[in-house]
Amino acid sequence: MRQWILSLAALALIAGTSFAGKYNKALSIGDRAPAIAGVPAVAATGDKDVTLNLSDAKEDVVVVAFLANHCPAVIACEDRLFDLVKSYNGKSVKFVGVCCSDPNSLEKEDGIEAIKGKIKEGKYNLTYGYDADGKIGKAYGAVVTPTFFVLDKDRTVRYTGKLDSGADAKGAQAYVKTAIDSLLSKETIEETETRATGCPIPYKK
């Protein structure tokens, strides 16, 4: 009897593990997106502090981008991300940024004031929050910046991974854009998960 119970427990553990994403240990495609609530943030206009709450979004699609001002990989895609956000003006798509860098070591580079400066410089045109405790990033399974999550109307994860295959890549693929367009047109997303590459997120210890 004991052996049978242990076998069931092992199977349950294996089954639970199998639901992890291909590249994400916390979320799988089809999972409900973790809540984002009460996060100090800067509005897309850069002129006021706001609170970032995922539940406030009424759009059909929400894109959550884990970013960090200090990260060269993020800096390299800033212009492409800016253009992508701009291309959906007037459409039912909302973009939000979240930074999870340890405030004890990177407050100056990645904190609210630094985020506000970036937005005022015209580097970002989205609401950008600072998750100092890193709870949101860990709940989403984000391990590097930049990492993107595309959520549908029900806030189910439909795509996670990199923004695109790179500005200079031959036959470049716009993964996030393709996922958004597929959701808006109610079509199947072909590429649902890619391996995000960039800077390891320096979570607070």
N, C-alpha and C. Protein backbone atom coordinates (compact mmCIF):
# COMPACT_ATOMS: atom_id res chain seq x y z
N MET A 1 0.84 -1.21 0.00
CA MET A 1 0.00 0.00 0.00
C MET A 1 0.87 1.26 0.00
N ARG A 2 1.89 1.21 0.87
CA ARG A 2 2.78 2.36 0.96
C ARG A 2 3.48 2.61 -0.38
N GLN A 3 3.91 1.50 -1.02
CA GLN A 3 4.59 1.63 -2.31
C GLN A 3 3.66 2.21 -3.37
N TRP A 4 2.41 1.83 -3.31
CA TRP A 4 1.42 2.33 -4.27
C TRP A 4 1.21 3.83 -4.09
N ILE A 5 1.14 4.27 -2.84
CA ILE A 5 0.96 5.70 -2.55
C ILE A 5 2.17 6.49 -3.03
N LEU A 6 3.38 5.93 -2.78
CA LEU A 6 4.59 6.61 -3.22
C LEU A 6 4.64 6.71 -4.75
N SER A 7 4.16 5.65 -5.42
CA SER A 7 4.13 5.66 -6.88
C SER A 7 3.20 6.74 -7.40
N LEU A 8 2.04 6.86 -6.77
CA LEU A 8 1.09 7.90 -7.16
C LEU A 8 1.68 9.29 -6.94
N ALA A 9 2.38 9.44 -5.83
CA ALA A 9 3.01 10.73 -5.54
C ALA A 9 4.05 11.07 -6.59
N ALA A 10 4.82 10.08 -6.99
CA ALA A 10 5.84 10.30 -8.02
C ALA A 10 5.21 10.68 -9.35
N LEU A 11 4.11 10.00 -9.68
CA LEU A 11 3.41 10.32 -10.92
C LEU A 11 2.85 11.73 -10.89
N ALA A 12 2.34 12.12 -9.74
CA ALA A 12 1.78 13.47 -9.59
C ALA A 12 2.88 14.51 -9.77
N LEU A 13 4.08 14.21 -9.20
CA LEU A 13 5.19 15.13 -9.34
C LEU A 13 5.61 15.27 -10.80
N ILE A 14 5.67 14.14 -11.49
CA ILE A 14 6.04 14.16 -12.91
C ILE A 14 5.00 14.92 -13.72
N ALA A 15 3.73 14.65 -13.42
CA ALA A 15 2.66 15.34 -14.15
C ALA A 15 2.72 16.83 -13.92
N GLY A 16 2.99 17.21 -12.65
CA GLY A 16 3.06 18.63 -12.35
C GLY A 16 4.21 19.29 -13.08
N THR A 17 5.35 18.60 -13.15
CA THR A 17 6.51 19.14 -13.84
C THR A 17 6.26 19.28 -15.33
N SER A 18 5.49 18.36 -15.88
CA SER A 18 5.26 18.36 -17.33
C SER A 18 4.49 19.57 -17.79
N PHE A 19 3.85 20.25 -16.86
CA PHE A 19 3.08 21.42 -17.25
C PHE A 19 3.95 22.67 -17.36
N ALA A 20 5.25 22.55 -16.99
CA ALA A 20 6.15 23.69 -17.14
C ALA A 20 6.34 23.95 -18.63
N GLY A 21 6.59 25.22 -18.96
CA GLY A 21 6.78 25.56 -20.36
C GLY A 21 8.08 25.01 -20.91
N LYS A 22 8.23 25.09 -22.19
CA LYS A 22 9.43 24.59 -22.85
C LYS A 22 10.68 25.30 -22.36
N TYR A 23 10.57 26.62 -22.18
CA TYR A 23 11.70 27.41 -21.70
C TYR A 23 11.39 28.13 -20.38
N ASN A 24 10.22 27.96 -19.87
CA ASN A 24 9.78 28.68 -18.68
C ASN A 24 9.40 27.68 -17.58
N LYS A 25 10.04 27.77 -16.43
CA LYS A 25 9.80 26.82 -15.36
C LYS A 25 8.57 27.14 -14.52
N ALA A 26 8.01 28.33 -14.69
CA ALA A 26 6.86 28.74 -13.87
C ALA A 26 5.54 28.69 -14.62
N LEU A 27 5.55 29.02 -15.90
CA LEU A 27 4.31 29.12 -16.67
C LEU A 27 4.37 28.32 -17.97
N SER A 28 3.22 27.84 -18.38
CA SER A 28 3.08 27.19 -19.67
C SER A 28 2.11 28.00 -20.53
N ILE A 29 2.18 27.81 -21.81
CA ILE A 29 1.21 28.42 -22.70
C ILE A 29 -0.16 27.85 -22.32
N GLY A 30 -1.13 28.74 -22.15
CA GLY A 30 -2.47 28.32 -21.73
C GLY A 30 -2.73 28.54 -20.25
N ASP A 31 -1.67 28.89 -19.50
CA ASP A 31 -1.85 29.20 -18.08
C ASP A 31 -2.42 30.60 -17.91
N ARG A 32 -3.13 30.78 -16.82
CA ARG A 32 -3.62 32.10 -16.45
C ARG A 32 -2.43 32.95 -16.02
N ALA A 33 -2.35 34.18 -16.52
CA ALA A 33 -1.24 35.06 -16.17
C ALA A 33 -1.32 35.46 -14.70
N PRO A 34 -0.22 35.43 -13.98
CA PRO A 34 -0.22 35.88 -12.59
C PRO A 34 -0.65 37.34 -12.48
N ALA A 35 -1.22 37.68 -11.36
CA ALA A 35 -1.69 39.05 -11.15
C ALA A 35 -0.52 40.03 -11.10
N ILE A 36 -0.79 41.22 -11.57
CA ILE A 36 0.14 42.34 -11.41
C ILE A 36 -0.67 43.43 -10.74
N ALA A 37 -0.34 43.76 -9.51
CA ALA A 37 -1.17 44.71 -8.76
C ALA A 37 -0.32 45.57 -7.83
N GLY A 38 -0.67 46.85 -7.79
CA GLY A 38 -0.04 47.78 -6.86
C GLY A 38 1.42 48.07 -7.14
N VAL A 39 1.84 47.94 -8.39
CA VAL A 39 3.24 48.16 -8.73
C VAL A 39 3.48 49.64 -9.04
N PRO A 40 4.40 50.29 -8.33
CA PRO A 40 4.72 51.68 -8.66
C PRO A 40 5.21 51.76 -10.10
N ALA A 41 4.70 52.73 -10.84
CA ALA A 41 5.03 52.81 -12.26
C ALA A 41 5.03 54.24 -12.75
N VAL A 42 5.50 54.41 -13.97
CA VAL A 42 5.52 55.70 -14.64
C VAL A 42 4.64 55.59 -15.87
N ALA A 43 3.77 56.57 -16.07
CA ALA A 43 2.87 56.56 -17.21
C ALA A 43 3.66 56.68 -18.51
N ALA A 44 3.04 56.26 -19.60
CA ALA A 44 3.70 56.29 -20.91
C ALA A 44 4.13 57.69 -21.32
N THR A 45 3.44 58.70 -20.79
CA THR A 45 3.80 60.09 -21.10
C THR A 45 5.01 60.54 -20.29
N GLY A 46 5.32 59.80 -19.23
CA GLY A 46 6.49 60.13 -18.41
C GLY A 46 6.30 61.29 -17.46
N ASP A 47 5.09 61.84 -17.42
CA ASP A 47 4.90 63.04 -16.61
C ASP A 47 4.20 62.78 -15.27
N LYS A 48 3.91 61.52 -14.97
CA LYS A 48 3.28 61.25 -13.68
C LYS A 48 3.52 59.82 -13.23
N ASP A 49 3.53 59.66 -11.90
CA ASP A 49 3.65 58.34 -11.33
C ASP A 49 2.26 57.72 -11.24
N VAL A 50 2.17 56.45 -11.53
CA VAL A 50 0.89 55.74 -11.50
C VAL A 50 1.10 54.40 -10.79
N THR A 51 0.04 53.64 -10.68
CA THR A 51 0.12 52.29 -10.13
C THR A 51 -0.28 51.31 -11.21
N LEU A 52 0.56 50.31 -11.41
CA LEU A 52 0.32 49.34 -12.47
C LEU A 52 -0.49 48.17 -11.92
N ASN A 53 -1.68 47.96 -12.52
CA ASN A 53 -2.56 46.85 -12.15
C ASN A 53 -3.04 46.18 -13.44
N LEU A 54 -2.75 44.92 -13.58
CA LEU A 54 -3.17 44.19 -14.78
C LEU A 54 -4.69 44.18 -14.91
N SER A 55 -5.38 44.13 -13.79
CA SER A 55 -6.84 44.07 -13.80
C SER A 55 -7.47 45.34 -14.38
N ASP A 56 -6.71 46.43 -14.45
CA ASP A 56 -7.25 47.69 -15.00
C ASP A 56 -7.30 47.65 -16.53
N ALA A 57 -6.55 46.77 -17.13
CA ALA A 57 -6.49 46.71 -18.60
C ALA A 57 -7.79 46.16 -19.16
N LYS A 58 -8.37 46.87 -20.10
CA LYS A 58 -9.62 46.44 -20.75
C LYS A 58 -9.38 45.97 -22.18
N GLU A 59 -8.17 46.08 -22.64
CA GLU A 59 -7.85 45.73 -24.02
C GLU A 59 -7.95 44.22 -24.26
N ASP A 60 -8.09 43.84 -25.52
CA ASP A 60 -8.19 42.43 -25.90
C ASP A 60 -6.86 41.70 -25.73
N VAL A 61 -5.77 42.44 -25.89
CA VAL A 61 -4.44 41.85 -25.78
C VAL A 61 -3.58 42.71 -24.86
N VAL A 62 -2.84 42.05 -23.98
CA VAL A 62 -1.88 42.75 -23.12
C VAL A 62 -0.52 42.12 -23.32
N VAL A 63 0.49 42.96 -23.50
CA VAL A 63 1.87 42.49 -23.62
C VAL A 63 2.63 42.95 -22.38
N VAL A 64 3.16 41.99 -21.63
CA VAL A 64 3.96 42.29 -20.45
C VAL A 64 5.42 42.07 -20.81
N ALA A 65 6.21 43.13 -20.69
CA ALA A 65 7.63 43.07 -21.04
C ALA A 65 8.48 43.24 -19.79
N PHE A 66 9.31 42.27 -19.50
CA PHE A 66 10.25 42.40 -18.38
C PHE A 66 11.52 43.04 -18.93
N LEU A 67 11.84 44.22 -18.38
CA LEU A 67 12.91 45.06 -18.91
C LEU A 67 13.87 45.48 -17.79
N ALA A 68 14.98 46.08 -18.17
CA ALA A 68 15.93 46.64 -17.21
C ALA A 68 16.78 47.66 -17.94
N ASN A 69 16.82 48.87 -17.44
CA ASN A 69 17.54 49.95 -18.12
C ASN A 69 19.02 49.65 -18.30
N HIS A 70 19.61 48.92 -17.36
CA HIS A 70 21.06 48.69 -17.40
C HIS A 70 21.47 47.62 -18.41
N CYS A 71 20.51 46.87 -18.91
CA CYS A 71 20.81 45.69 -19.73
C CYS A 71 21.07 46.04 -21.19
N PRO A 72 22.24 45.72 -21.74
CA PRO A 72 22.54 46.00 -23.15
C PRO A 72 21.55 45.35 -24.12
N ALA A 73 21.05 44.16 -23.77
CA ALA A 73 20.11 43.48 -24.65
C ALA A 73 18.78 44.23 -24.73
N VAL A 74 18.40 44.85 -23.61
CA VAL A 74 17.18 45.67 -23.61
C VAL A 74 17.41 46.94 -24.41
N ILE A 75 18.54 47.58 -24.18
CA ILE A 75 18.86 48.81 -24.90
C ILE A 75 18.87 48.55 -26.41
N ALA A 76 19.36 47.39 -26.81
CA ALA A 76 19.44 47.05 -28.23
C ALA A 76 18.08 46.94 -28.90
N CYS A 77 17.03 46.62 -28.11
CA CYS A 77 15.71 46.45 -28.73
C CYS A 77 14.75 47.60 -28.42
N GLU A 78 15.25 48.64 -27.74
CA GLU A 78 14.37 49.76 -27.35
C GLU A 78 13.64 50.37 -28.55
N ASP A 79 14.36 50.66 -29.61
CA ASP A 79 13.74 51.31 -30.76
C ASP A 79 12.70 50.41 -31.42
N ARG A 80 13.00 49.12 -31.50
CA ARG A 80 12.06 48.19 -32.12
C ARG A 80 10.81 48.04 -31.26
N LEU A 81 10.99 48.02 -29.95
CA LEU A 81 9.85 47.94 -29.05
C LEU A 81 9.01 49.21 -29.13
N PHE A 82 9.67 50.36 -29.17
CA PHE A 82 8.97 51.64 -29.30
C PHE A 82 8.10 51.64 -30.56
N ASP A 83 8.68 51.22 -31.67
CA ASP A 83 7.94 51.20 -32.94
C ASP A 83 6.77 50.21 -32.89
N LEU A 84 6.99 49.09 -32.23
CA LEU A 84 5.92 48.09 -32.13
C LEU A 84 4.74 48.65 -31.34
N VAL A 85 5.03 49.25 -30.20
CA VAL A 85 3.97 49.84 -29.38
C VAL A 85 3.22 50.90 -30.19
N LYS A 86 3.95 51.75 -30.88
CA LYS A 86 3.35 52.82 -31.67
C LYS A 86 2.44 52.28 -32.77
N SER A 87 2.82 51.13 -33.33
CA SER A 87 2.06 50.56 -34.44
C SER A 87 0.66 50.09 -34.02
N TYR A 88 0.44 49.94 -32.72
CA TYR A 88 -0.87 49.50 -32.24
C TYR A 88 -1.68 50.63 -31.59
N ASN A 89 -1.26 51.85 -31.78
CA ASN A 89 -2.05 52.98 -31.28
C ASN A 89 -3.46 52.92 -31.85
N GLY A 90 -4.45 53.05 -30.99
CA GLY A 90 -5.83 53.02 -31.44
C GLY A 90 -6.41 51.63 -31.54
N LYS A 91 -5.60 50.62 -31.28
CA LYS A 91 -6.08 49.24 -31.32
C LYS A 91 -6.19 48.69 -29.90
N SER A 92 -6.88 47.58 -29.76
CA SER A 92 -7.15 47.04 -28.43
C SER A 92 -5.97 46.21 -27.91
N VAL A 93 -4.83 46.90 -27.79
CA VAL A 93 -3.59 46.27 -27.32
C VAL A 93 -2.93 47.18 -26.30
N LYS A 94 -2.55 46.61 -25.17
CA LYS A 94 -1.87 47.40 -24.14
C LYS A 94 -0.51 46.79 -23.86
N PHE A 95 0.51 47.65 -23.78
CA PHE A 95 1.86 47.22 -23.44
C PHE A 95 2.23 47.76 -22.06
N VAL A 96 2.82 46.91 -21.25
CA VAL A 96 3.32 47.35 -19.95
C VAL A 96 4.72 46.78 -19.75
N GLY A 97 5.56 47.56 -19.10
CA GLY A 97 6.90 47.11 -18.78
C GLY A 97 7.04 46.90 -17.29
N VAL A 98 7.86 45.93 -16.91
CA VAL A 98 8.12 45.66 -15.50
C VAL A 98 9.61 45.41 -15.32
N CYS A 99 10.20 46.09 -14.34
CA CYS A 99 11.61 45.87 -14.00
C CYS A 99 11.67 45.23 -12.62
N CYS A 100 12.51 44.22 -12.47
CA CYS A 100 12.62 43.49 -11.20
C CYS A 100 14.03 43.54 -10.61
N SER A 101 14.82 44.51 -11.00
CA SER A 101 16.20 44.58 -10.52
C SER A 101 16.25 44.89 -9.03
N ASP A 102 17.23 44.31 -8.35
CA ASP A 102 17.45 44.52 -6.92
C ASP A 102 17.69 46.00 -6.63
N PRO A 103 16.83 46.63 -5.82
CA PRO A 103 17.00 48.06 -5.52
C PRO A 103 18.26 48.33 -4.70
N ASN A 104 18.77 47.31 -4.02
CA ASN A 104 19.96 47.50 -3.20
C ASN A 104 21.23 47.71 -4.03
N SER A 105 21.18 47.27 -5.28
CA SER A 105 22.36 47.43 -6.12
C SER A 105 22.11 48.20 -7.41
N LEU A 106 20.86 48.26 -7.85
CA LEU A 106 20.59 48.89 -9.15
C LEU A 106 19.47 49.93 -9.11
N GLU A 107 19.22 50.49 -7.95
CA GLU A 107 18.17 51.52 -7.83
C GLU A 107 18.46 52.71 -8.75
N LYS A 108 19.69 53.14 -8.78
CA LYS A 108 20.05 54.31 -9.58
C LYS A 108 19.84 54.05 -11.07
N GLU A 109 20.21 52.85 -11.54
CA GLU A 109 20.09 52.54 -12.96
C GLU A 109 18.68 52.14 -13.37
N ASP A 110 17.97 51.42 -12.48
CA ASP A 110 16.71 50.80 -12.88
C ASP A 110 15.49 51.23 -12.09
N GLY A 111 15.65 52.06 -11.08
CA GLY A 111 14.52 52.47 -10.24
C GLY A 111 13.56 53.41 -10.95
N ILE A 112 12.55 53.85 -10.21
CA ILE A 112 11.49 54.69 -10.78
C ILE A 112 12.02 55.96 -11.43
N GLU A 113 12.96 56.62 -10.79
CA GLU A 113 13.49 57.86 -11.37
C GLU A 113 14.22 57.58 -12.68
N ALA A 114 14.93 56.45 -12.73
CA ALA A 114 15.63 56.08 -13.97
C ALA A 114 14.63 55.73 -15.06
N ILE A 115 13.56 55.06 -14.69
CA ILE A 115 12.51 54.71 -15.65
C ILE A 115 11.85 55.98 -16.19
N LYS A 116 11.59 56.90 -15.29
CA LYS A 116 10.99 58.17 -15.70
C LYS A 116 11.89 58.90 -16.70
N GLY A 117 13.19 58.85 -16.45
CA GLY A 117 14.13 59.48 -17.36
C GLY A 117 14.12 58.83 -18.74
N LYS A 118 14.05 57.51 -18.77
CA LYS A 118 14.02 56.78 -20.03
C LYS A 118 12.79 57.16 -20.86
N ILE A 119 11.65 57.23 -20.18
CA ILE A 119 10.42 57.56 -20.89
C ILE A 119 10.46 59.01 -21.40
N LYS A 120 10.99 59.91 -20.60
CA LYS A 120 11.09 61.30 -21.03
C LYS A 120 12.06 61.46 -22.19
N GLU A 121 13.04 60.57 -22.27
CA GLU A 121 14.00 60.60 -23.38
C GLU A 121 13.38 60.05 -24.67
N GLY A 122 12.18 59.47 -24.54
CA GLY A 122 11.52 58.91 -25.71
C GLY A 122 11.94 57.49 -26.01
N LYS A 123 12.52 56.80 -25.02
CA LYS A 123 12.94 55.42 -25.23
C LYS A 123 11.78 54.43 -25.11
N TYR A 124 10.77 54.83 -24.31
CA TYR A 124 9.62 53.95 -24.11
C TYR A 124 8.32 54.74 -24.22
N ASN A 125 7.30 54.09 -24.75
CA ASN A 125 5.97 54.69 -24.88
C ASN A 125 4.93 53.74 -24.29
N LEU A 126 5.27 53.18 -23.12
CA LEU A 126 4.36 52.29 -22.41
C LEU A 126 4.44 52.57 -20.91
N THR A 127 3.44 52.11 -20.18
CA THR A 127 3.49 52.23 -18.72
C THR A 127 4.54 51.26 -18.21
N TYR A 128 5.43 51.76 -17.36
CA TYR A 128 6.62 50.99 -16.97
C TYR A 128 6.71 50.97 -15.44
N GLY A 129 6.60 49.78 -14.86
CA GLY A 129 6.60 49.64 -13.41
C GLY A 129 7.88 49.05 -12.84
N TYR A 130 8.07 49.26 -11.53
CA TYR A 130 9.26 48.75 -10.84
C TYR A 130 8.84 47.83 -9.72
N ASP A 131 9.07 46.53 -9.92
CA ASP A 131 8.74 45.48 -8.96
C ASP A 131 9.99 45.19 -8.13
N ALA A 132 10.21 46.01 -7.10
CA ALA A 132 11.45 45.94 -6.33
C ALA A 132 11.65 44.60 -5.65
N ASP A 133 10.59 43.97 -5.21
CA ASP A 133 10.70 42.67 -4.53
C ASP A 133 10.88 41.51 -5.50
N GLY A 134 10.57 41.74 -6.77
CA GLY A 134 10.74 40.70 -7.77
C GLY A 134 9.69 39.61 -7.76
N LYS A 135 8.63 39.79 -6.99
CA LYS A 135 7.61 38.74 -6.87
C LYS A 135 6.90 38.47 -8.19
N ILE A 136 6.67 39.54 -8.94
CA ILE A 136 5.94 39.38 -10.20
C ILE A 136 6.82 38.66 -11.23
N GLY A 137 8.05 39.09 -11.32
CA GLY A 137 8.95 38.46 -12.26
C GLY A 137 9.11 36.97 -11.98
N LYS A 138 9.22 36.63 -10.72
CA LYS A 138 9.37 35.21 -10.35
C LYS A 138 8.09 34.44 -10.65
N ALA A 139 6.94 35.07 -10.42
CA ALA A 139 5.66 34.40 -10.70
C ALA A 139 5.52 34.11 -12.19
N TYR A 140 6.07 34.99 -13.02
CA TYR A 140 6.01 34.80 -14.47
C TYR A 140 7.14 33.91 -14.98
N GLY A 141 8.08 33.59 -14.10
CA GLY A 141 9.20 32.75 -14.53
C GLY A 141 10.21 33.49 -15.38
N ALA A 142 10.24 34.81 -15.27
CA ALA A 142 11.19 35.60 -16.05
C ALA A 142 12.59 35.49 -15.43
N VAL A 143 13.56 35.10 -16.23
CA VAL A 143 14.93 34.95 -15.73
C VAL A 143 15.92 35.89 -16.41
N VAL A 144 15.54 36.42 -17.57
CA VAL A 144 16.42 37.38 -18.25
C VAL A 144 15.59 38.54 -18.77
N THR A 145 16.29 39.64 -19.05
CA THR A 145 15.66 40.77 -19.73
C THR A 145 16.33 40.93 -21.09
N PRO A 146 15.53 41.20 -22.14
CA PRO A 146 14.06 41.33 -22.12
C PRO A 146 13.36 39.98 -22.29
N THR A 147 12.21 39.85 -21.65
CA THR A 147 11.33 38.70 -21.84
C THR A 147 9.92 39.22 -22.00
N PHE A 148 9.18 38.67 -22.96
CA PHE A 148 7.84 39.15 -23.28
C PHE A 148 6.79 38.07 -23.08
N PHE A 149 5.62 38.51 -22.61
CA PHE A 149 4.46 37.63 -22.46
C PHE A 149 3.28 38.30 -23.16
N VAL A 150 2.63 37.57 -24.06
CA VAL A 150 1.44 38.08 -24.74
C VAL A 150 0.23 37.37 -24.15
N LEU A 151 -0.71 38.17 -23.62
CA LEU A 151 -1.89 37.65 -22.94
C LEU A 151 -3.15 37.96 -23.75
N ASP A 152 -4.08 37.04 -23.76
CA ASP A 152 -5.32 37.27 -24.48
C ASP A 152 -6.35 37.98 -23.61
N LYS A 153 -7.58 38.10 -24.10
CA LYS A 153 -8.64 38.82 -23.40
C LYS A 153 -8.90 38.25 -22.01
N ASP A 154 -8.75 36.94 -21.87
CA ASP A 154 -8.96 36.28 -20.58
C ASP A 154 -7.71 36.29 -19.72
N ARG A 155 -6.68 36.95 -20.21
CA ARG A 155 -5.37 37.04 -19.53
C ARG A 155 -4.72 35.67 -19.38
N THR A 156 -4.89 34.89 -20.44
CA THR A 156 -4.21 33.61 -20.56
C THR A 156 -2.93 33.83 -21.35
N VAL A 157 -1.85 33.18 -20.95
CA VAL A 157 -0.57 33.32 -21.65
C VAL A 157 -0.65 32.61 -23.00
N ARG A 158 -0.42 33.37 -24.06
CA ARG A 158 -0.48 32.80 -25.41
C ARG A 158 0.87 32.80 -26.12
N TYR A 159 1.78 33.63 -25.64
CA TYR A 159 3.14 33.61 -26.17
C TYR A 159 4.09 34.07 -25.07
N THR A 160 5.28 33.49 -25.02
CA THR A 160 6.32 33.97 -24.13
C THR A 160 7.68 33.76 -24.78
N GLY A 161 8.58 34.72 -24.53
CA GLY A 161 9.92 34.60 -25.08
C GLY A 161 10.48 35.93 -25.54
N LYS A 162 11.21 35.90 -26.65
CA LYS A 162 11.89 37.09 -27.14
C LYS A 162 10.97 37.96 -27.99
N LEU A 163 11.38 39.21 -28.16
CA LEU A 163 10.60 40.15 -28.97
C LEU A 163 10.57 39.71 -30.43
N ASP A 164 11.72 39.41 -30.97
CA ASP A 164 11.85 39.00 -32.36
C ASP A 164 13.16 38.24 -32.51
N SER A 165 13.50 37.90 -33.73
CA SER A 165 14.73 37.14 -33.95
C SER A 165 15.94 38.04 -34.14
N GLY A 166 15.76 39.36 -33.95
CA GLY A 166 16.87 40.29 -34.05
C GLY A 166 16.78 41.19 -35.26
N ALA A 167 17.22 42.42 -35.08
CA ALA A 167 17.10 43.41 -36.15
C ALA A 167 17.90 43.02 -37.39
N ASP A 168 19.02 42.37 -37.19
CA ASP A 168 19.90 42.06 -38.32
C ASP A 168 19.81 40.61 -38.79
N ALA A 169 18.91 39.86 -38.17
CA ALA A 169 18.81 38.44 -38.52
C ALA A 169 18.21 38.27 -39.92
N LYS A 170 18.78 37.34 -40.68
CA LYS A 170 18.26 37.07 -42.02
C LYS A 170 16.89 36.39 -41.88
N GLY A 171 15.90 36.91 -42.57
CA GLY A 171 14.56 36.38 -42.45
C GLY A 171 14.00 36.59 -41.05
N ALA A 172 14.23 37.78 -40.49
CA ALA A 172 13.84 38.09 -39.12
C ALA A 172 12.37 37.79 -38.86
N GLN A 173 12.11 37.23 -37.69
CA GLN A 173 10.74 36.89 -37.31
C GLN A 173 10.29 37.77 -36.15
N ALA A 174 9.14 38.38 -36.30
CA ALA A 174 8.59 39.27 -35.27
C ALA A 174 7.64 38.48 -34.39
N TYR A 175 8.18 37.75 -33.42
CA TYR A 175 7.38 36.82 -32.63
C TYR A 175 6.24 37.50 -31.87
N VAL A 176 6.54 38.59 -31.17
CA VAL A 176 5.50 39.25 -30.38
C VAL A 176 4.43 39.85 -31.29
N LYS A 177 4.86 40.52 -32.35
CA LYS A 177 3.90 41.11 -33.28
C LYS A 177 3.00 40.05 -33.91
N THR A 178 3.59 38.95 -34.30
CA THR A 178 2.81 37.87 -34.91
C THR A 178 1.79 37.31 -33.93
N ALA A 179 2.19 37.17 -32.67
CA ALA A 179 1.27 36.66 -31.65
C ALA A 179 0.11 37.63 -31.44
N ILE A 180 0.43 38.92 -31.37
CA ILE A 180 -0.62 39.94 -31.19
C ILE A 180 -1.60 39.90 -32.36
N ASP A 181 -1.07 39.93 -33.57
CA ASP A 181 -1.92 39.96 -34.76
C ASP A 181 -2.79 38.70 -34.85
N SER A 182 -2.23 37.57 -34.44
CA SER A 182 -3.00 36.32 -34.48
C SER A 182 -4.17 36.38 -33.50
N LEU A 183 -3.92 36.94 -32.32
CA LEU A 183 -5.00 37.06 -31.33
C LEU A 183 -6.08 38.03 -31.80
N LEU A 184 -5.66 39.15 -32.37
CA LEU A 184 -6.63 40.14 -32.84
C LEU A 184 -7.50 39.60 -33.97
N SER A 185 -6.91 38.74 -34.78
CA SER A 185 -7.65 38.18 -35.92
C SER A 185 -8.25 36.81 -35.60
N LYS A 186 -8.08 36.40 -34.32
CA LYS A 186 -8.63 35.12 -33.83
C LYS A 186 -8.08 33.93 -34.61
N GLU A 187 -6.80 34.01 -34.90
CA GLU A 187 -6.11 32.92 -35.58
C GLU A 187 -5.17 32.21 -34.62
N THR A 188 -4.73 31.02 -34.99
CA THR A 188 -3.82 30.25 -34.15
C THR A 188 -2.42 30.84 -34.19
N ILE A 189 -1.79 30.94 -33.03
CA ILE A 189 -0.41 31.41 -32.95
C ILE A 189 0.49 30.21 -33.23
N GLU A 190 1.28 30.31 -34.25
CA GLU A 190 2.13 29.18 -34.64
C GLU A 190 3.33 29.02 -33.71
N GLU A 191 3.99 30.13 -33.41
CA GLU A 191 5.19 30.11 -32.55
C GLU A 191 4.78 30.66 -31.19
N THR A 192 4.55 29.76 -30.23
CA THR A 192 4.02 30.18 -28.94
C THR A 192 5.08 30.41 -27.88
N GLU A 193 6.28 29.86 -28.07
CA GLU A 193 7.32 30.01 -27.06
C GLU A 193 8.70 29.99 -27.70
N THR A 194 9.51 30.98 -27.33
CA THR A 194 10.90 31.02 -27.77
C THR A 194 11.78 31.23 -26.54
N ARG A 195 13.05 30.96 -26.68
CA ARG A 195 13.97 31.14 -25.56
C ARG A 195 14.42 32.60 -25.49
N ALA A 196 14.02 33.28 -24.44
CA ALA A 196 14.45 34.67 -24.25
C ALA A 196 15.94 34.69 -23.92
N THR A 197 16.65 35.64 -24.50
CA THR A 197 18.08 35.78 -24.23
C THR A 197 18.36 37.22 -23.83
N GLY A 198 19.35 37.39 -22.98
CA GLY A 198 19.68 38.73 -22.54
C GLY A 198 20.45 38.71 -21.23
N CYS A 199 20.11 39.64 -20.34
CA CYS A 199 20.81 39.77 -19.07
C CYS A 199 20.05 39.05 -17.96
N PRO A 200 20.74 38.26 -17.14
CA PRO A 200 20.07 37.62 -16.00
C PRO A 200 19.43 38.67 -15.10
N ILE A 201 18.21 38.43 -14.67
CA ILE A 201 17.53 39.39 -13.79
C ILE A 201 18.16 39.32 -12.40
N PRO A 202 18.69 40.45 -11.91
CA PRO A 202 19.32 40.46 -10.58
C PRO A 202 18.26 40.66 -9.48
N TYR A 203 17.56 39.58 -9.18
CA TYR A 203 16.50 39.66 -8.17
C TYR A 203 17.08 40.00 -6.80
N LYS A 204 16.27 40.64 -6.00
CA LYS A 204 16.64 40.95 -4.62
C LYS A 204 16.84 39.65 -3.84
N LYS A 205 17.93 39.57 -3.13
CA LYS A 205 18.25 38.37 -2.35
C LYS A 205 17.35 38.25 -1.11
